[in-house]
Amino acid sequence: MVEAVGFGVFNRFPDSHGVFVGGAQDDEYRPQAQRLFMAARAAGMHVQYQEVPGGHDFGAWRKGLVDNLDWLGTRLGLTA
């Protein structure tokens, strides 16, 4: 479960989209990614949070990129 961020957000960013990815075994940076996800969502951004196997390592980064590359290509207008 991701806890809500404990500060107010005054700006709204409804045209912003993104994906936050955290390694399931990354006890140092995963909580920070979760907090950023909650702050972005509170600011009105259309964001997703994905947890993948691994830590703060190439395997986790690769999985996050592979899983979301089609989404990114579509958002950037690079796919037909």
PDB file of N, CA and C in Angstrom:
ATOM      1  N   MET A   1       0.840  -1.182   0.000  1.00  0.00           N
ATOM      2  CA  MET A   1       0.000   0.000   0.000  1.00  0.00           C
ATOM      3  C   MET A   1       0.883   1.242   0.000  1.00  0.00           C
ATOM      4  N   VAL A   2       0.545   2.197  -0.825  1.00  0.00           N
ATOM      5  CA  VAL A   2       1.295   3.442  -0.924  1.00  0.00           C
ATOM      6  C   VAL A   2       0.605   4.485  -0.054  1.00  0.00           C
ATOM      7  N   GLU A   3       1.353   5.103   0.854  1.00  0.00           N
ATOM      8  CA  GLU A   3       0.789   6.115   1.734  1.00  0.00           C
ATOM      9  C   GLU A   3       0.685   7.452   1.018  1.00  0.00           C
ATOM     10  N   ALA A   4      -0.316   8.226   1.377  1.00  0.00           N
ATOM     11  CA  ALA A   4      -0.510   9.553   0.795  1.00  0.00           C
ATOM     12  C   ALA A   4       0.614  10.483   1.234  1.00  0.00           C
ATOM     13  N   VAL A   5       0.926  11.417   0.388  1.00  0.00           N
ATOM     14  CA  VAL A   5       1.950  12.411   0.682  1.00  0.00           C
ATOM     15  C   VAL A   5       1.376  13.417   1.666  1.00  0.00           C
ATOM     16  N   GLY A   6       2.162  13.803   2.660  1.00  0.00           N
ATOM     17  CA  GLY A   6       1.666  14.662   3.722  1.00  0.00           C
ATOM     18  C   GLY A   6       1.844  16.144   3.469  1.00  0.00           C
ATOM     19  N   PHE A   7       1.663  16.627   2.268  1.00  0.00           N
ATOM     20  CA  PHE A   7       1.739  18.061   2.015  1.00  0.00           C
ATOM     21  C   PHE A   7       0.745  18.421   0.926  1.00  0.00           C
ATOM     22  N   GLY A   8       0.324  19.667   0.931  1.00  0.00           N
ATOM     23  CA  GLY A   8      -0.651  20.124  -0.046  1.00  0.00           C
ATOM     24  C   GLY A   8      -0.027  20.330  -1.416  1.00  0.00           C
ATOM     25  N   VAL A   9      -0.821  20.136  -2.446  1.00  0.00           N
ATOM     26  CA  VAL A   9      -0.376  20.373  -3.808  1.00  0.00           C
ATOM     27  C   VAL A   9      -1.272  21.457  -4.386  1.00  0.00           C
ATOM     28  N   PHE A  10      -0.668  22.530  -4.874  1.00  0.00           N
ATOM     29  CA  PHE A  10      -1.437  23.665  -5.328  1.00  0.00           C
ATOM     30  C   PHE A  10      -1.533  23.749  -6.849  1.00  0.00           C
ATOM     31  N   ASN A  11      -0.626  23.130  -7.568  1.00  0.00           N
ATOM     32  CA  ASN A  11      -0.655  23.163  -9.024  1.00  0.00           C
ATOM     33  C   ASN A  11      -1.378  21.935  -9.551  1.00  0.00           C
ATOM     34  N   ARG A  12      -1.997  22.079 -10.702  1.00  0.00           N
ATOM     35  CA  ARG A  12      -2.666  20.955 -11.343  1.00  0.00           C
ATOM     36  C   ARG A  12      -2.005  20.724 -12.692  1.00  0.00           C
ATOM     37  N   PHE A  13      -1.814  19.479 -13.037  1.00  0.00           N
ATOM     38  CA  PHE A  13      -1.137  19.111 -14.280  1.00  0.00           C
ATOM     39  C   PHE A  13      -1.933  18.034 -15.008  1.00  0.00           C
ATOM     40  N   PRO A  14      -3.147  18.340 -15.467  1.00  0.00           N
ATOM     41  CA  PRO A  14      -4.001  17.311 -16.053  1.00  0.00           C
ATOM     42  C   PRO A  14      -3.509  16.764 -17.391  1.00  0.00           C
ATOM     43  N   ASP A  15      -2.598  17.452 -18.047  1.00  0.00           N
ATOM     44  CA  ASP A  15      -2.099  16.980 -19.341  1.00  0.00           C
ATOM     45  C   ASP A  15      -0.810  16.179 -19.218  1.00  0.00           C
ATOM     46  N   SER A  16      -0.377  15.929 -18.001  1.00  0.00           N
ATOM     47  CA  SER A  16       0.855  15.168 -17.773  1.00  0.00           C
ATOM     48  C   SER A  16       0.519  13.707 -17.508  1.00  0.00           C
ATOM     49  N   HIS A  17       1.317  12.816 -18.089  1.00  0.00           N
ATOM     50  CA  HIS A  17       1.130  11.381 -17.934  1.00  0.00           C
ATOM     51  C   HIS A  17       2.480  10.753 -17.603  1.00  0.00           C
ATOM     52  N   GLY A  18       2.454   9.643 -16.904  1.00  0.00           N
ATOM     53  CA  GLY A  18       3.719   8.986 -16.590  1.00  0.00           C
ATOM     54  C   GLY A  18       3.537   7.645 -15.919  1.00  0.00           C
ATOM     55  N   VAL A  19       4.638   6.947 -15.800  1.00  0.00           N
ATOM     56  CA  VAL A  19       4.677   5.650 -15.131  1.00  0.00           C
ATOM     57  C   VAL A  19       5.859   5.669 -14.171  1.00  0.00           C
ATOM     58  N   PHE A  20       5.605   5.339 -12.935  1.00  0.00           N
ATOM     59  CA  PHE A  20       6.649   5.178 -11.930  1.00  0.00           C
ATOM     60  C   PHE A  20       6.857   3.687 -11.721  1.00  0.00           C
ATOM     61  N   VAL A  21       8.105   3.263 -11.748  1.00  0.00           N
ATOM     62  CA  VAL A  21       8.428   1.841 -11.596  1.00  0.00           C
ATOM     63  C   VAL A  21       9.365   1.679 -10.410  1.00  0.00           C
ATOM     64  N   GLY A  22       9.046   0.711  -9.558  1.00  0.00           N
ATOM     65  CA  GLY A  22       9.896   0.419  -8.413  1.00  0.00           C
ATOM     66  C   GLY A  22      10.215  -1.056  -8.344  1.00  0.00           C
ATOM     67  N   GLY A  23      11.446  -1.379  -8.001  1.00  0.00           N
ATOM     68  CA  GLY A  23      11.838  -2.769  -7.798  1.00  0.00           C
ATOM     69  C   GLY A  23      11.298  -3.272  -6.466  1.00  0.00           C
ATOM     70  N   ALA A  24      10.675  -4.436  -6.466  1.00  0.00           N
ATOM     71  CA  ALA A  24      10.044  -4.978  -5.255  1.00  0.00           C
ATOM     72  C   ALA A  24      11.033  -5.147  -4.104  1.00  0.00           C
ATOM     73  N   GLN A  25      12.300  -5.407  -4.405  1.00  0.00           N
ATOM     74  CA  GLN A  25      13.301  -5.586  -3.361  1.00  0.00           C
ATOM     75  C   GLN A  25      14.148  -4.333  -3.117  1.00  0.00           C
ATOM     76  N   ASP A  26      13.750  -3.242  -3.706  1.00  0.00           N
ATOM     77  CA  ASP A  26      14.497  -1.990  -3.561  1.00  0.00           C
ATOM     78  C   ASP A  26      13.946  -1.211  -2.369  1.00  0.00           C
ATOM     79  N   ASP A  27      14.459  -1.506  -1.187  1.00  0.00           N
ATOM     80  CA  ASP A  27      13.949  -0.879   0.025  1.00  0.00           C
ATOM     81  C   ASP A  27      14.397   0.577   0.187  1.00  0.00           C
ATOM     82  N   GLU A  28      15.384   1.007  -0.587  1.00  0.00           N
ATOM     83  CA  GLU A  28      15.857   2.383  -0.476  1.00  0.00           C
ATOM     84  C   GLU A  28      15.093   3.336  -1.393  1.00  0.00           C
ATOM     85  N   TYR A  29      14.957   2.988  -2.675  1.00  0.00           N
ATOM     86  CA  TYR A  29      14.368   3.914  -3.638  1.00  0.00           C
ATOM     87  C   TYR A  29      12.900   3.648  -3.952  1.00  0.00           C
ATOM     88  N   ARG A  30      12.405   2.422  -3.748  1.00  0.00           N
ATOM     89  CA  ARG A  30      10.999   2.116  -4.022  1.00  0.00           C
ATOM     90  C   ARG A  30      10.052   3.023  -3.230  1.00  0.00           C
ATOM     91  N   PRO A  31      10.276   3.226  -1.910  1.00  0.00           N
ATOM     92  CA  PRO A  31       9.378   4.120  -1.173  1.00  0.00           C
ATOM     93  C   PRO A  31       9.376   5.554  -1.720  1.00  0.00           C
ATOM     94  N   GLN A  32      10.508   6.002  -2.222  1.00  0.00           N
ATOM     95  CA  GLN A  32      10.577   7.342  -2.800  1.00  0.00           C
ATOM     96  C   GLN A  32       9.777   7.418  -4.099  1.00  0.00           C
ATOM     97  N   ALA A  33       9.865   6.366  -4.919  1.00  0.00           N
ATOM     98  CA  ALA A  33       9.077   6.317  -6.154  1.00  0.00           C
ATOM     99  C   ALA A  33       7.588   6.312  -5.828  1.00  0.00           C
ATOM    100  N   GLN A  34       7.207   5.606  -4.771  1.00  0.00           N
ATOM    101  CA  GLN A  34       5.806   5.570  -4.361  1.00  0.00           C
ATOM    102  C   GLN A  34       5.329   6.949  -3.906  1.00  0.00           C
ATOM    103  N   ARG A  35       6.154   7.655  -3.172  1.00  0.00           N
ATOM    104  CA  ARG A  35       5.784   9.008  -2.719  1.00  0.00           C
ATOM    105  C   ARG A  35       5.667   9.971  -3.905  1.00  0.00           C
ATOM    106  N   LEU A  36       6.586   9.861  -4.858  1.00  0.00           N
ATOM    107  CA  LEU A  36       6.497  10.707  -6.050  1.00  0.00           C
ATOM    108  C   LEU A  36       5.233  10.395  -6.850  1.00  0.00           C
ATOM    109  N   PHE A  37       4.903   9.113  -6.947  1.00  0.00           N
ATOM    110  CA  PHE A  37       3.668   8.703  -7.630  1.00  0.00           C
ATOM    111  C   PHE A  37       2.452   9.351  -6.972  1.00  0.00           C
ATOM    112  N   MET A  38       2.376   9.279  -5.650  1.00  0.00           N
ATOM    113  CA  MET A  38       1.243   9.858  -4.928  1.00  0.00           C
ATOM    114  C   MET A  38       1.181  11.382  -5.107  1.00  0.00           C
ATOM    115  N   ALA A  39       2.334  12.041  -5.084  1.00  0.00           N
ATOM    116  CA  ALA A  39       2.370  13.488  -5.277  1.00  0.00           C
ATOM    117  C   ALA A  39       1.924  13.853  -6.689  1.00  0.00           C
ATOM    118  N   ALA A  40       2.370  13.099  -7.683  1.00  0.00           N
ATOM    119  CA  ALA A  40       1.979  13.361  -9.068  1.00  0.00           C
ATOM    120  C   ALA A  40       0.475  13.156  -9.243  1.00  0.00           C
ATOM    121  N   ARG A  41      -0.040  12.099  -8.663  1.00  0.00           N
ATOM    122  CA  ARG A  41      -1.477  11.833  -8.756  1.00  0.00           C
ATOM    123  C   ARG A  41      -2.279  12.939  -8.054  1.00  0.00           C
ATOM    124  N   ALA A  42      -1.797  13.382  -6.897  1.00  0.00           N
ATOM    125  CA  ALA A  42      -2.465  14.460  -6.171  1.00  0.00           C
ATOM    126  C   ALA A  42      -2.453  15.765  -6.968  1.00  0.00           C
ATOM    127  N   ALA A  43      -1.455  15.927  -7.836  1.00  0.00           N
ATOM    128  CA  ALA A  43      -1.349  17.125  -8.667  1.00  0.00           C
ATOM    129  C   ALA A  43      -2.184  17.021  -9.937  1.00  0.00           C
ATOM    130  N   GLY A  44      -2.947  15.937 -10.065  1.00  0.00           N
ATOM    131  CA  GLY A  44      -3.828  15.794 -11.215  1.00  0.00           C
ATOM    132  C   GLY A  44      -3.197  15.123 -12.414  1.00  0.00           C
ATOM    133  N   MET A  45      -2.002  14.587 -12.252  1.00  0.00           N
ATOM    134  CA  MET A  45      -1.351  13.886 -13.362  1.00  0.00           C
ATOM    135  C   MET A  45      -1.968  12.501 -13.538  1.00  0.00           C
ATOM    136  N   HIS A  46      -1.951  12.020 -14.753  1.00  0.00           N
ATOM    137  CA  HIS A  46      -2.428  10.677 -15.068  1.00  0.00           C
ATOM    138  C   HIS A  46      -1.222   9.749 -14.984  1.00  0.00           C
ATOM    139  N   VAL A  47      -1.053   9.116 -13.841  1.00  0.00           N
ATOM    140  CA  VAL A  47       0.134   8.307 -13.598  1.00  0.00           C
ATOM    141  C   VAL A  47      -0.242   6.912 -13.129  1.00  0.00           C
ATOM    142  N   GLN A  48       0.697   6.012 -13.324  1.00  0.00           N
ATOM    143  CA  GLN A  48       0.567   4.635 -12.878  1.00  0.00           C
ATOM    144  C   GLN A  48       1.788   4.290 -12.040  1.00  0.00           C
ATOM    145  N   TYR A  49       1.606   3.350 -11.133  1.00  0.00           N
ATOM    146  CA  TYR A  49       2.737   2.823 -10.380  1.00  0.00           C
ATOM    147  C   TYR A  49       2.832   1.340 -10.676  1.00  0.00           C
ATOM    148  N   GLN A  50       4.031   0.898 -11.021  1.00  0.00           N
ATOM    149  CA  GLN A  50       4.268  -0.513 -11.325  1.00  0.00           C
ATOM    150  C   GLN A  50       5.416  -1.009 -10.471  1.00  0.00           C
ATOM    151  N   GLU A  51       5.206  -2.126  -9.802  1.00  0.00           N
ATOM    152  CA  GLU A  51       6.281  -2.751  -9.037  1.00  0.00           C
ATOM    153  C   GLU A  51       6.728  -3.989  -9.789  1.00  0.00           C
ATOM    154  N   VAL A  52       8.021  -4.111  -9.988  1.00  0.00           N
ATOM    155  CA  VAL A  52       8.587  -5.216 -10.754  1.00  0.00           C
ATOM    156  C   VAL A  52       9.554  -6.005  -9.873  1.00  0.00           C
ATOM    157  N   PRO A  53       9.823  -7.254 -10.238  1.00  0.00           N
ATOM    158  CA  PRO A  53      10.804  -8.026  -9.468  1.00  0.00           C
ATOM    159  C   PRO A  53      12.178  -7.375  -9.535  1.00  0.00           C
ATOM    160  N   GLY A  54      12.927  -7.473  -8.464  1.00  0.00           N
ATOM    161  CA  GLY A  54      14.292  -6.964  -8.452  1.00  0.00           C
ATOM    162  C   GLY A  54      14.468  -5.799  -7.503  1.00  0.00           C
ATOM    163  N   GLY A  55      15.658  -5.265  -7.540  1.00  0.00           N
ATOM    164  CA  GLY A  55      16.008  -4.142  -6.682  1.00  0.00           C
ATOM    165  C   GLY A  55      16.213  -2.898  -7.506  1.00  0.00           C
ATOM    166  N   HIS A  56      17.236  -2.137  -7.144  1.00  0.00           N
ATOM    167  CA  HIS A  56      17.614  -0.937  -7.895  1.00  0.00           C
ATOM    168  C   HIS A  56      18.710  -1.387  -8.852  1.00  0.00           C
ATOM    169  N   ASP A  57      18.289  -2.098  -9.909  1.00  0.00           N
ATOM    170  CA  ASP A  57      19.258  -2.750 -10.784  1.00  0.00           C
ATOM    171  C   ASP A  57      18.748  -2.814 -12.220  1.00  0.00           C
ATOM    172  N   PHE A  58      19.635  -3.247 -13.103  1.00  0.00           N
ATOM    173  CA  PHE A  58      19.312  -3.273 -14.530  1.00  0.00           C
ATOM    174  C   PHE A  58      18.102  -4.156 -14.823  1.00  0.00           C
ATOM    175  N   GLY A  59      17.963  -5.276 -14.129  1.00  0.00           N
ATOM    176  CA  GLY A  59      16.829  -6.166 -14.372  1.00  0.00           C
ATOM    177  C   GLY A  59      15.495  -5.471 -14.127  1.00  0.00           C
ATOM    178  N   ALA A  60      15.407  -4.724 -13.049  1.00  0.00           N
ATOM    179  CA  ALA A  60      14.172  -4.003 -12.745  1.00  0.00           C
ATOM    180  C   ALA A  60      13.941  -2.879 -13.755  1.00  0.00           C
ATOM    181  N   TRP A  61      14.982  -2.149 -14.090  1.00  0.00           N
ATOM    182  CA  TRP A  61      14.844  -1.052 -15.060  1.00  0.00           C
ATOM    183  C   TRP A  61      14.412  -1.596 -16.415  1.00  0.00           C
ATOM    184  N   ARG A  62      15.032  -2.715 -16.816  1.00  0.00           N
ATOM    185  CA  ARG A  62      14.698  -3.321 -18.110  1.00  0.00           C
ATOM    186  C   ARG A  62      13.238  -3.738 -18.135  1.00  0.00           C
ATOM    187  N   LYS A  63      12.775  -4.401 -17.074  1.00  0.00           N
ATOM    188  CA  LYS A  63      11.389  -4.860 -17.001  1.00  0.00           C
ATOM    189  C   LYS A  63      10.439  -3.663 -17.075  1.00  0.00           C
ATOM    190  N   GLY A  64      10.733  -2.605 -16.348  1.00  0.00           N
ATOM    191  CA  GLY A  64       9.886  -1.414 -16.396  1.00  0.00           C
ATOM    192  C   GLY A  64       9.836  -0.796 -17.776  1.00  0.00           C
ATOM    193  N   LEU A  65      10.973  -0.718 -18.441  1.00  0.00           N
ATOM    194  CA  LEU A  65      11.021  -0.141 -19.784  1.00  0.00           C
ATOM    195  C   LEU A  65      10.299  -1.032 -20.792  1.00  0.00           C
ATOM    196  N   VAL A  66      10.582  -2.331 -20.773  1.00  0.00           N
ATOM    197  CA  VAL A  66       9.935  -3.256 -21.715  1.00  0.00           C
ATOM    198  C   VAL A  66       8.415  -3.238 -21.528  1.00  0.00           C
ATOM    199  N   ASP A  67       7.969  -3.260 -20.282  1.00  0.00           N
ATOM    200  CA  ASP A  67       6.525  -3.273 -20.015  1.00  0.00           C
ATOM    201  C   ASP A  67       5.828  -2.002 -20.468  1.00  0.00           C
ATOM    202  N   ASN A  68       6.536  -0.894 -20.537  1.00  0.00           N
ATOM    203  CA  ASN A  68       5.896   0.388 -20.812  1.00  0.00           C
ATOM    204  C   ASN A  68       6.328   1.045 -22.114  1.00  0.00           C
ATOM    205  N   LEU A  69       7.148   0.380 -22.890  1.00  0.00           N
ATOM    206  CA  LEU A  69       7.651   0.975 -24.134  1.00  0.00           C
ATOM    207  C   LEU A  69       6.530   1.240 -25.138  1.00  0.00           C
ATOM    208  N   ASP A  70       5.577   0.329 -25.272  1.00  0.00           N
ATOM    209  CA  ASP A  70       4.455   0.560 -26.191  1.00  0.00           C
ATOM    210  C   ASP A  70       3.640   1.782 -25.765  1.00  0.00           C
ATOM    211  N   TRP A  71       3.393   1.892 -24.453  1.00  0.00           N
ATOM    212  CA  TRP A  71       2.650   3.046 -23.932  1.00  0.00           C
ATOM    213  C   TRP A  71       3.402   4.330 -24.260  1.00  0.00           C
ATOM    214  N   LEU A  72       4.708   4.339 -24.034  1.00  0.00           N
ATOM    215  CA  LEU A  72       5.517   5.532 -24.285  1.00  0.00           C
ATOM    216  C   LEU A  72       5.522   5.878 -25.762  1.00  0.00           C
ATOM    217  N   GLY A  73       5.685   4.888 -26.623  1.00  0.00           N
ATOM    218  CA  GLY A  73       5.669   5.137 -28.061  1.00  0.00           C
ATOM    219  C   GLY A  73       4.352   5.737 -28.527  1.00  0.00           C
ATOM    220  N   THR A  74       3.257   5.246 -27.983  1.00  0.00           N
ATOM    221  CA  THR A  74       1.941   5.784 -28.338  1.00  0.00           C
ATOM    222  C   THR A  74       1.813   7.218 -27.841  1.00  0.00           C
ATOM    223  N   ARG A  75       2.217   7.497 -26.603  1.00  0.00           N
ATOM    224  CA  ARG A  75       2.134   8.845 -26.038  1.00  0.00           C
ATOM    225  C   ARG A  75       2.961   9.841 -26.853  1.00  0.00           C
ATOM    226  N   LEU A  76       4.099   9.390 -27.388  1.00  0.00           N
ATOM    227  CA  LEU A  76       4.976  10.276 -28.154  1.00  0.00           C
ATOM    228  C   LEU A  76       4.620  10.317 -29.639  1.00  0.00           C
ATOM    229  N   GLY A  77       3.600   9.551 -30.043  1.00  0.00           N
ATOM    230  CA  GLY A  77       3.198   9.527 -31.446  1.00  0.00           C
ATOM    231  C   GLY A  77       4.170   8.791 -32.337  1.00  0.00           C
ATOM    232  N   LEU A  78       4.899   7.840 -31.777  1.00  0.00           N
ATOM    233  CA  LEU A  78       5.909   7.117 -32.549  1.00  0.00           C
ATOM    234  C   LEU A  78       5.406   5.794 -33.109  1.00  0.00           C
ATOM    235  N   THR A  79       4.199   5.374 -32.751  1.00  0.00           N
ATOM    236  CA  THR A  79       3.659   4.121 -33.243  1.00  0.00           C
ATOM    237  C   THR A  79       2.417   4.407 -34.076  1.00  0.00           C
ATOM    238  N   ALA A  80       2.131   3.513 -34.984  1.00  0.00           N
ATOM    239  CA  ALA A  80       0.976   3.688 -35.868  1.00  0.00           C
ATOM    240  C   ALA A  80      -0.280   3.137 -35.243  1.00  0.00           C
TER     241      ALA A  80
END
